[in-house]
Amino acid sequence: MAKLTKRQKHFQELMASATQPVGVKDGVALLKKALAHAKFDETVETHIRLGINVKHADQQVRSTVVLPEGTGKTVRVAVIAKGEKVNEARNAGADFAGSEDLVEKMEKENWLDFDVLIATPDAMALLGKLGKVLGPKGLMPNPKTGTVTFDVAQAIKEVKAGKVEFRADKQGIVHTAIGKGKAFTEEQILKNFSTLYDAILRAKPAAAKGAYVKSVYLTSTMGPSIKLDASKLSSEIRDYLAN
């Protein structure tokens, strides 16, 4: 049997000390303790399994939310626009802004050195030939996520402030990063998680039947999974956001 590392032993002892599932505040506290021996600032993630049938168009869950504490990550924003909107984007803080020139750079150099791509409606046609490249990477601008808009300044501001997209995958699970383990306090993680969870509840499809939230886990890049009590989570989040 392979010898456990110091961190693995720490995980075992920590998880044995808690009876799961746990409440959200206890879950966040447990997560922070688990990160005590982390060698880098791990990303905090939540994985939420929903009671939806993603094969049905009327049961899709996809939207955006601005995390109040940000993501803890510097987000690089690129904007594809025309005319004065290019300068507007640069003045608003876009890391990259252009038109045909930027699209050509993506196409010929396979350049994708950005995290979010915003486009004005009149410039979307320029990105058509890059659909097979941008689509699978989740970079194709979409009106539903606010990344296709003439108000590029506002879109850039929201993304830089911590706007994230959440979307149920083929198994009906929403995977979302909600902060950094070391840089964020328990309160910051709790606030981001609560805001995200509330947004997911609000995005419940009318066609979804039965229990909407099946299971909820908190974890980090290399940390253990902590199961939250889904049966009590809605009331916990409601009380927290009300105070």
C-alpha atoms as a PDB file:
ATOM      1  CA  MET A   1       0.000   0.000   0.000  1.00  0.00           C
ATOM      2  CA  ALA A   2       1.357   3.423  -0.967  1.00  0.00           C
ATOM      3  CA  LYS A   3       2.372   5.629   1.910  1.00  0.00           C
ATOM      4  CA  LEU A   4       0.049   8.566   2.489  1.00  0.00           C
ATOM      5  CA  THR A   5       1.476  12.050   2.187  1.00  0.00           C
ATOM      6  CA  LYS A   6       1.145  14.575   4.987  1.00  0.00           C
ATOM      7  CA  ARG A   7      -1.636  16.289   3.089  1.00  0.00           C
ATOM      8  CA  GLN A   8      -3.522  13.049   2.411  1.00  0.00           C
ATOM      9  CA  LYS A   9      -3.395  12.202   6.116  1.00  0.00           C
ATOM     10  CA  HIS A  10      -4.690  15.699   6.859  1.00  0.00           C
ATOM     11  CA  PHE A  11      -7.610  15.137   4.475  1.00  0.00           C
ATOM     12  CA  GLN A  12      -8.449  11.760   6.041  1.00  0.00           C
ATOM     13  CA  GLU A  13      -8.433  13.117   9.582  1.00  0.00           C
ATOM     14  CA  LEU A  14     -10.415  16.180   8.603  1.00  0.00           C
ATOM     15  CA  MET A  15     -13.097  14.293   6.699  1.00  0.00           C
ATOM     16  CA  ALA A  16     -13.408  11.734   9.495  1.00  0.00           C
ATOM     17  CA  SER A  17     -14.108  14.558  11.945  1.00  0.00           C
ATOM     18  CA  ALA A  18     -17.207  15.691  10.036  1.00  0.00           C
ATOM     19  CA  THR A  19     -20.439  13.820   9.407  1.00  0.00           C
ATOM     20  CA  GLN A  20     -21.530  14.584   5.868  1.00  0.00           C
ATOM     21  CA  PRO A  21     -23.627  16.082   4.410  1.00  0.00           C
ATOM     22  CA  VAL A  22     -23.001  19.345   6.248  1.00  0.00           C
ATOM     23  CA  GLY A  23     -24.533  22.804   6.299  1.00  0.00           C
ATOM     24  CA  VAL A  24     -23.089  25.382   3.934  1.00  0.00           C
ATOM     25  CA  LYS A  25     -21.233  27.387   6.617  1.00  0.00           C
ATOM     26  CA  ASP A  26     -19.688  24.240   8.077  1.00  0.00           C
ATOM     27  CA  GLY A  27     -18.842  23.089   4.557  1.00  0.00           C
ATOM     28  CA  VAL A  28     -16.957  26.283   3.757  1.00  0.00           C
ATOM     29  CA  ALA A  29     -15.114  26.117   7.089  1.00  0.00           C
ATOM     30  CA  LEU A  30     -14.156  22.498   6.391  1.00  0.00           C
ATOM     31  CA  LEU A  31     -12.914  23.434   2.935  1.00  0.00           C
ATOM     32  CA  LYS A  32     -10.690  26.187   4.330  1.00  0.00           C
ATOM     33  CA  LYS A  33      -9.179  23.756   6.828  1.00  0.00           C
ATOM     34  CA  ALA A  34      -8.530  21.276   4.030  1.00  0.00           C
ATOM     35  CA  LEU A  35      -6.503  23.932   2.232  1.00  0.00           C
ATOM     36  CA  ALA A  36      -4.150  24.465   5.171  1.00  0.00           C
ATOM     37  CA  HIS A  37      -1.356  22.495   3.482  1.00  0.00           C
ATOM     38  CA  ALA A  38      -2.040  23.637  -0.094  1.00  0.00           C
ATOM     39  CA  LYS A  39       1.153  24.501  -1.990  1.00  0.00           C
ATOM     40  CA  PHE A  40      -0.597  27.059  -4.208  1.00  0.00           C
ATOM     41  CA  ASP A  41      -3.763  29.131  -4.135  1.00  0.00           C
ATOM     42  CA  GLU A  42      -6.223  26.501  -5.306  1.00  0.00           C
ATOM     43  CA  THR A  43      -9.448  27.400  -7.074  1.00  0.00           C
ATOM     44  CA  VAL A  44     -12.603  26.770  -5.048  1.00  0.00           C
ATOM     45  CA  GLU A  45     -15.281  24.975  -7.043  1.00  0.00           C
ATOM     46  CA  THR A  46     -18.864  23.857  -6.589  1.00  0.00           C
ATOM     47  CA  HIS A  47     -20.531  20.986  -8.434  1.00  0.00           C
ATOM     48  CA  ILE A  48     -24.328  20.918  -8.385  1.00  0.00           C
ATOM     49  CA  ARG A  49     -26.343  18.037  -9.840  1.00  0.00           C
ATOM     50  CA  LEU A  50     -29.771  19.160 -11.012  1.00  0.00           C
ATOM     51  CA  GLY A  51     -32.934  17.126 -11.498  1.00  0.00           C
ATOM     52  CA  ILE A  52     -33.377  18.079 -15.137  1.00  0.00           C
ATOM     53  CA  ASN A  53     -33.428  16.217 -18.428  1.00  0.00           C
ATOM     54  CA  VAL A  54     -30.946  18.122 -20.583  1.00  0.00           C
ATOM     55  CA  LYS A  55     -32.131  16.244 -23.673  1.00  0.00           C
ATOM     56  CA  HIS A  56     -35.225  18.441 -23.580  1.00  0.00           C
ATOM     57  CA  ALA A  57     -34.837  21.997 -24.870  1.00  0.00           C
ATOM     58  CA  ASP A  58     -37.238  23.311 -22.217  1.00  0.00           C
ATOM     59  CA  GLN A  59     -35.090  21.965 -19.380  1.00  0.00           C
ATOM     60  CA  GLN A  60     -31.822  23.672 -20.215  1.00  0.00           C
ATOM     61  CA  VAL A  61     -30.122  25.636 -17.435  1.00  0.00           C
ATOM     62  CA  ARG A  62     -27.775  28.343 -18.653  1.00  0.00           C
ATOM     63  CA  SER A  63     -27.311  31.869 -17.413  1.00  0.00           C
ATOM     64  CA  THR A  64     -24.826  34.282 -15.860  1.00  0.00           C
ATOM     65  CA  VAL A  65     -24.295  35.842 -12.449  1.00  0.00           C
ATOM     66  CA  VAL A  66     -21.896  38.439 -11.067  1.00  0.00           C
ATOM     67  CA  LEU A  67     -20.066  37.003  -8.065  1.00  0.00           C
ATOM     68  CA  PRO A  68     -19.940  39.806  -5.458  1.00  0.00           C
ATOM     69  CA  GLU A  69     -16.378  38.969  -4.402  1.00  0.00           C
ATOM     70  CA  GLY A  70     -15.111  38.343  -7.925  1.00  0.00           C
ATOM     71  CA  THR A  71     -13.390  35.158  -9.018  1.00  0.00           C
ATOM     72  CA  GLY A  72      -9.944  35.879  -7.684  1.00  0.00           C
ATOM     73  CA  LYS A  73      -8.662  35.568 -11.221  1.00  0.00           C
ATOM     74  CA  THR A  74      -7.494  38.262 -13.615  1.00  0.00           C
ATOM     75  CA  VAL A  75      -9.861  37.918 -16.574  1.00  0.00           C
ATOM     76  CA  ARG A  76      -8.507  38.750 -20.023  1.00  0.00           C
ATOM     77  CA  VAL A  77     -11.215  40.189 -22.252  1.00  0.00           C
ATOM     78  CA  ALA A  78     -11.131  40.404 -26.041  1.00  0.00           C
ATOM     79  CA  VAL A  79     -13.675  42.398 -28.046  1.00  0.00           C
ATOM     80  CA  ILE A  80     -14.607  42.072 -31.710  1.00  0.00           C
ATOM     81  CA  ALA A  81     -16.402  45.179 -32.939  1.00  0.00           C
ATOM     82  CA  LYS A  82     -16.579  47.724 -35.734  1.00  0.00           C
ATOM     83  CA  GLY A  83     -15.842  51.430 -35.969  1.00  0.00           C
ATOM     84  CA  GLU A  84     -15.841  53.491 -32.779  1.00  0.00           C
ATOM     85  CA  LYS A  85     -16.901  50.493 -30.699  1.00  0.00           C
ATOM     86  CA  VAL A  86     -13.304  49.226 -30.934  1.00  0.00           C
ATOM     87  CA  ASN A  87     -12.013  52.378 -29.226  1.00  0.00           C
ATOM     88  CA  GLU A  88     -14.882  52.254 -26.741  1.00  0.00           C
ATOM     89  CA  ALA A  89     -13.827  48.739 -25.803  1.00  0.00           C
ATOM     90  CA  ARG A  90     -10.200  49.758 -25.324  1.00  0.00           C
ATOM     91  CA  ASN A  91     -11.187  52.733 -23.195  1.00  0.00           C
ATOM     92  CA  ALA A  92     -13.422  50.467 -21.073  1.00  0.00           C
ATOM     93  CA  GLY A  93     -10.513  48.193 -20.204  1.00  0.00           C
ATOM     94  CA  ALA A  94     -10.573  45.464 -22.841  1.00  0.00           C
ATOM     95  CA  ASP A  95      -7.246  43.633 -22.976  1.00  0.00           C
ATOM     96  CA  PHE A  96      -7.624  43.171 -26.734  1.00  0.00           C
ATOM     97  CA  ALA A  97      -9.975  44.898 -29.172  1.00  0.00           C
ATOM     98  CA  GLY A  98     -10.211  44.856 -32.929  1.00  0.00           C
ATOM     99  CA  SER A  99     -12.212  43.810 -35.951  1.00  0.00           C
ATOM    100  CA  GLU A 100     -11.100  41.804 -38.992  1.00  0.00           C
ATOM    101  CA  ASP A 101      -7.495  42.078 -37.808  1.00  0.00           C
ATOM    102  CA  LEU A 102      -8.165  40.287 -34.513  1.00  0.00           C
ATOM    103  CA  VAL A 103     -10.297  37.610 -36.191  1.00  0.00           C
ATOM    104  CA  GLU A 104      -7.501  37.000 -38.712  1.00  0.00           C
ATOM    105  CA  LYS A 105      -5.017  36.629 -35.842  1.00  0.00           C
ATOM    106  CA  MET A 106      -7.248  33.971 -34.246  1.00  0.00           C
ATOM    107  CA  GLU A 107      -7.664  32.138 -37.523  1.00  0.00           C
ATOM    108  CA  LYS A 108      -4.105  32.184 -38.870  1.00  0.00           C
ATOM    109  CA  GLU A 109      -2.123  32.053 -35.630  1.00  0.00           C
ATOM    110  CA  ASN A 110      -4.589  30.000 -33.578  1.00  0.00           C
ATOM    111  CA  TRP A 111      -4.435  32.873 -31.088  1.00  0.00           C
ATOM    112  CA  LEU A 112      -6.824  32.489 -28.153  1.00  0.00           C
ATOM    113  CA  ASP A 113      -4.942  34.316 -25.427  1.00  0.00           C
ATOM    114  CA  PHE A 114      -8.064  35.548 -23.609  1.00  0.00           C
ATOM    115  CA  ASP A 115     -10.701  34.241 -21.196  1.00  0.00           C
ATOM    116  CA  VAL A 116     -13.856  35.963 -22.461  1.00  0.00           C
ATOM    117  CA  LEU A 117     -14.768  37.118 -25.961  1.00  0.00           C
ATOM    118  CA  ILE A 118     -17.327  39.887 -26.433  1.00  0.00           C
ATOM    119  CA  ALA A 119     -18.714  40.930 -29.822  1.00  0.00           C
ATOM    120  CA  THR A 120     -21.092  43.577 -31.086  1.00  0.00           C
ATOM    121  CA  PRO A 121     -24.070  42.189 -33.047  1.00  0.00           C
ATOM    122  CA  ASP A 122     -22.853  43.679 -36.331  1.00  0.00           C
ATOM    123  CA  ALA A 123     -19.470  41.953 -35.923  1.00  0.00           C
ATOM    124  CA  MET A 124     -20.752  38.449 -35.178  1.00  0.00           C
ATOM    125  CA  ALA A 125     -20.619  37.486 -38.868  1.00  0.00           C
ATOM    126  CA  LEU A 126     -16.841  37.873 -38.704  1.00  0.00           C
ATOM    127  CA  LEU A 127     -16.672  35.042 -36.150  1.00  0.00           C
ATOM    128  CA  GLY A 128     -18.767  32.583 -38.153  1.00  0.00           C
ATOM    129  CA  LYS A 129     -15.768  30.752 -39.602  1.00  0.00           C
ATOM    130  CA  LEU A 130     -14.288  30.325 -36.122  1.00  0.00           C
ATOM    131  CA  GLY A 131     -17.301  28.571 -34.654  1.00  0.00           C
ATOM    132  CA  LYS A 132     -15.641  25.149 -34.598  1.00  0.00           C
ATOM    133  CA  VAL A 133     -12.696  26.612 -32.689  1.00  0.00           C
ATOM    134  CA  LEU A 134     -14.450  28.959 -30.272  1.00  0.00           C
ATOM    135  CA  GLY A 135     -17.527  26.813 -29.615  1.00  0.00           C
ATOM    136  CA  PRO A 136     -15.866  23.770 -27.994  1.00  0.00           C
ATOM    137  CA  LYS A 137     -13.764  26.052 -25.791  1.00  0.00           C
ATOM    138  CA  GLY A 138     -16.820  27.961 -24.588  1.00  0.00           C
ATOM    139  CA  LEU A 139     -15.531  31.223 -26.063  1.00  0.00           C
ATOM    140  CA  MET A 140     -18.142  31.941 -28.726  1.00  0.00           C
ATOM    141  CA  PRO A 141     -20.082  35.117 -27.797  1.00  0.00           C
ATOM    142  CA  ASN A 142     -23.740  34.502 -27.004  1.00  0.00           C
ATOM    143  CA  PRO A 143     -26.632  36.940 -26.423  1.00  0.00           C
ATOM    144  CA  LYS A 144     -27.871  34.740 -23.548  1.00  0.00           C
ATOM    145  CA  THR A 145     -24.680  35.383 -21.604  1.00  0.00           C
ATOM    146  CA  GLY A 146     -24.488  39.078 -22.427  1.00  0.00           C
ATOM    147  CA  THR A 147     -21.393  38.712 -24.602  1.00  0.00           C
ATOM    148  CA  VAL A 148     -23.147  39.851 -27.783  1.00  0.00           C
ATOM    149  CA  THR A 149     -24.042  43.483 -27.184  1.00  0.00           C
ATOM    150  CA  PHE A 150     -23.498  47.032 -28.404  1.00  0.00           C
ATOM    151  CA  ASP A 151     -22.945  48.113 -24.791  1.00  0.00           C
ATOM    152  CA  VAL A 152     -19.400  46.761 -24.746  1.00  0.00           C
ATOM    153  CA  ALA A 153     -18.323  49.032 -21.876  1.00  0.00           C
ATOM    154  CA  GLN A 154     -20.934  47.566 -19.522  1.00  0.00           C
ATOM    155  CA  ALA A 155     -20.185  44.012 -20.660  1.00  0.00           C
ATOM    156  CA  ILE A 156     -16.463  44.480 -19.986  1.00  0.00           C
ATOM    157  CA  LYS A 157     -17.175  46.022 -16.576  1.00  0.00           C
ATOM    158  CA  GLU A 158     -19.341  43.055 -15.526  1.00  0.00           C
ATOM    159  CA  VAL A 159     -16.844  40.445 -16.701  1.00  0.00           C
ATOM    160  CA  LYS A 160     -13.970  42.192 -14.931  1.00  0.00           C
ATOM    161  CA  ALA A 161     -16.098  42.464 -11.777  1.00  0.00           C
ATOM    162  CA  GLY A 162     -16.669  38.716 -11.570  1.00  0.00           C
ATOM    163  CA  LYS A 163     -19.433  37.808 -13.993  1.00  0.00           C
ATOM    164  CA  VAL A 164     -19.431  34.063 -14.657  1.00  0.00           C
ATOM    165  CA  GLU A 165     -21.532  31.769 -16.790  1.00  0.00           C
ATOM    166  CA  PHE A 166     -23.106  28.668 -15.327  1.00  0.00           C
ATOM    167  CA  ARG A 167     -24.449  25.889 -17.487  1.00  0.00           C
ATOM    168  CA  ALA A 168     -25.653  22.351 -16.877  1.00  0.00           C
ATOM    169  CA  ASP A 169     -23.561  19.776 -18.753  1.00  0.00           C
ATOM    170  CA  LYS A 170     -24.824  16.597 -20.435  1.00  0.00           C
ATOM    171  CA  GLN A 171     -25.257  14.940 -17.041  1.00  0.00           C
ATOM    172  CA  GLY A 172     -27.220  17.882 -15.666  1.00  0.00           C
ATOM    173  CA  ILE A 173     -24.327  19.064 -13.474  1.00  0.00           C
ATOM    174  CA  VAL A 174     -23.278  22.697 -13.064  1.00  0.00           C
ATOM    175  CA  HIS A 175     -19.534  23.089 -12.467  1.00  0.00           C
ATOM    176  CA  THR A 176     -18.473  26.591 -11.400  1.00  0.00           C
ATOM    177  CA  ALA A 177     -15.391  28.215  -9.893  1.00  0.00           C
ATOM    178  CA  ILE A 178     -16.328  30.565  -7.044  1.00  0.00           C
ATOM    179  CA  GLY A 179     -13.030  31.914  -5.749  1.00  0.00           C
ATOM    180  CA  LYS A 180      -9.583  31.138  -4.389  1.00  0.00           C
ATOM    181  CA  GLY A 181      -8.863  28.998  -1.354  1.00  0.00           C
ATOM    182  CA  LYS A 182      -6.109  31.080   0.239  1.00  0.00           C
ATOM    183  CA  ALA A 183      -6.871  34.571  -1.040  1.00  0.00           C
ATOM    184  CA  PHE A 184     -10.556  34.371  -0.067  1.00  0.00           C
ATOM    185  CA  THR A 185     -11.951  34.371   3.471  1.00  0.00           C
ATOM    186  CA  GLU A 186     -14.726  31.995   4.531  1.00  0.00           C
ATOM    187  CA  GLU A 187     -17.161  34.911   4.271  1.00  0.00           C
ATOM    188  CA  GLN A 188     -16.107  35.725   0.702  1.00  0.00           C
ATOM    189  CA  ILE A 189     -16.488  32.104  -0.416  1.00  0.00           C
ATOM    190  CA  LEU A 190     -19.855  31.863   1.334  1.00  0.00           C
ATOM    191  CA  LYS A 191     -21.079  35.076  -0.284  1.00  0.00           C
ATOM    192  CA  ASN A 192     -20.060  33.954  -3.781  1.00  0.00           C
ATOM    193  CA  PHE A 193     -21.519  30.485  -3.321  1.00  0.00           C
ATOM    194  CA  SER A 194     -24.806  31.868  -1.981  1.00  0.00           C
ATOM    195  CA  THR A 195     -25.149  34.307  -4.879  1.00  0.00           C
ATOM    196  CA  LEU A 196     -24.460  31.563  -7.423  1.00  0.00           C
ATOM    197  CA  TYR A 197     -26.795  29.061  -5.771  1.00  0.00           C
ATOM    198  CA  ASP A 198     -29.607  31.614  -5.629  1.00  0.00           C
ATOM    199  CA  ALA A 199     -29.118  32.347  -9.353  1.00  0.00           C
ATOM    200  CA  ILE A 200     -29.285  28.630 -10.172  1.00  0.00           C
ATOM    201  CA  LEU A 201     -32.533  28.310  -8.214  1.00  0.00           C
ATOM    202  CA  ARG A 202     -33.966  31.270 -10.121  1.00  0.00           C
ATOM    203  CA  ALA A 203     -32.960  29.624 -13.399  1.00  0.00           C
ATOM    204  CA  LYS A 204     -35.093  26.537 -12.696  1.00  0.00           C
ATOM    205  CA  PRO A 205     -36.937  25.530 -15.893  1.00  0.00           C
ATOM    206  CA  ALA A 206     -40.719  25.476 -15.577  1.00  0.00           C
ATOM    207  CA  ALA A 207     -40.704  22.004 -17.170  1.00  0.00           C
ATOM    208  CA  ALA A 208     -38.418  20.490 -14.503  1.00  0.00           C
ATOM    209  CA  LYS A 209     -40.263  17.987 -12.311  1.00  0.00           C
ATOM    210  CA  GLY A 210     -39.438  16.573  -8.898  1.00  0.00           C
ATOM    211  CA  ALA A 211     -36.445  17.647  -6.840  1.00  0.00           C
ATOM    212  CA  TYR A 212     -34.560  20.372  -8.702  1.00  0.00           C
ATOM    213  CA  VAL A 213     -31.292  20.094  -6.761  1.00  0.00           C
ATOM    214  CA  LYS A 214     -30.066  16.520  -6.336  1.00  0.00           C
ATOM    215  CA  SER A 215     -26.651  17.033  -4.743  1.00  0.00           C
ATOM    216  CA  VAL A 216     -24.172  19.807  -3.998  1.00  0.00           C
ATOM    217  CA  TYR A 217     -20.425  19.537  -3.404  1.00  0.00           C
ATOM    218  CA  LEU A 218     -17.689  21.998  -2.526  1.00  0.00           C
ATOM    219  CA  THR A 219     -14.107  21.213  -3.438  1.00  0.00           C
ATOM    220  CA  SER A 220     -10.844  22.766  -4.604  1.00  0.00           C
ATOM    221  CA  THR A 221      -8.329  22.038  -7.343  1.00  0.00           C
ATOM    222  CA  MET A 222      -6.623  19.224  -5.430  1.00  0.00           C
ATOM    223  CA  GLY A 223      -8.786  19.023  -2.325  1.00  0.00           C
ATOM    224  CA  PRO A 224     -11.434  16.581  -1.080  1.00  0.00           C
ATOM    225  CA  SER A 225     -15.122  16.817  -2.014  1.00  0.00           C
ATOM    226  CA  ILE A 226     -17.385  18.093   0.743  1.00  0.00           C
ATOM    227  CA  LYS A 227     -21.044  17.190   0.438  1.00  0.00           C
ATOM    228  CA  LEU A 228     -23.546  19.856   1.450  1.00  0.00           C
ATOM    229  CA  ASP A 229     -27.023  19.094   2.766  1.00  0.00           C
ATOM    230  CA  ALA A 230     -29.140  19.857  -0.305  1.00  0.00           C
ATOM    231  CA  SER A 231     -32.391  19.427   1.656  1.00  0.00           C
ATOM    232  CA  LYS A 232     -31.575  22.428   3.883  1.00  0.00           C
ATOM    233  CA  LEU A 233     -29.497  24.489   1.504  1.00  0.00           C
ATOM    234  CA  SER A 234     -32.274  26.630   0.009  1.00  0.00           C
ATOM    235  CA  SER A 235     -33.429  27.869   3.427  1.00  0.00           C
ATOM    236  CA  GLU A 236     -29.820  28.414   4.561  1.00  0.00           C
ATOM    237  CA  ILE A 237     -29.045  30.509   1.489  1.00  0.00           C
ATOM    238  CA  ARG A 238     -32.297  32.454   1.766  1.00  0.00           C
ATOM    239  CA  ASP A 239     -31.589  33.342   5.413  1.00  0.00           C
ATOM    240  CA  TYR A 240     -27.988  34.264   4.655  1.00  0.00           C
ATOM    241  CA  LEU A 241     -28.852  36.574   1.754  1.00  0.00           C
ATOM    242  CA  ALA A 242     -31.609  38.221   3.800  1.00  0.00           C
ATOM    243  CA  ASN A 243     -29.148  39.309   6.518  1.00  0.00           C
END
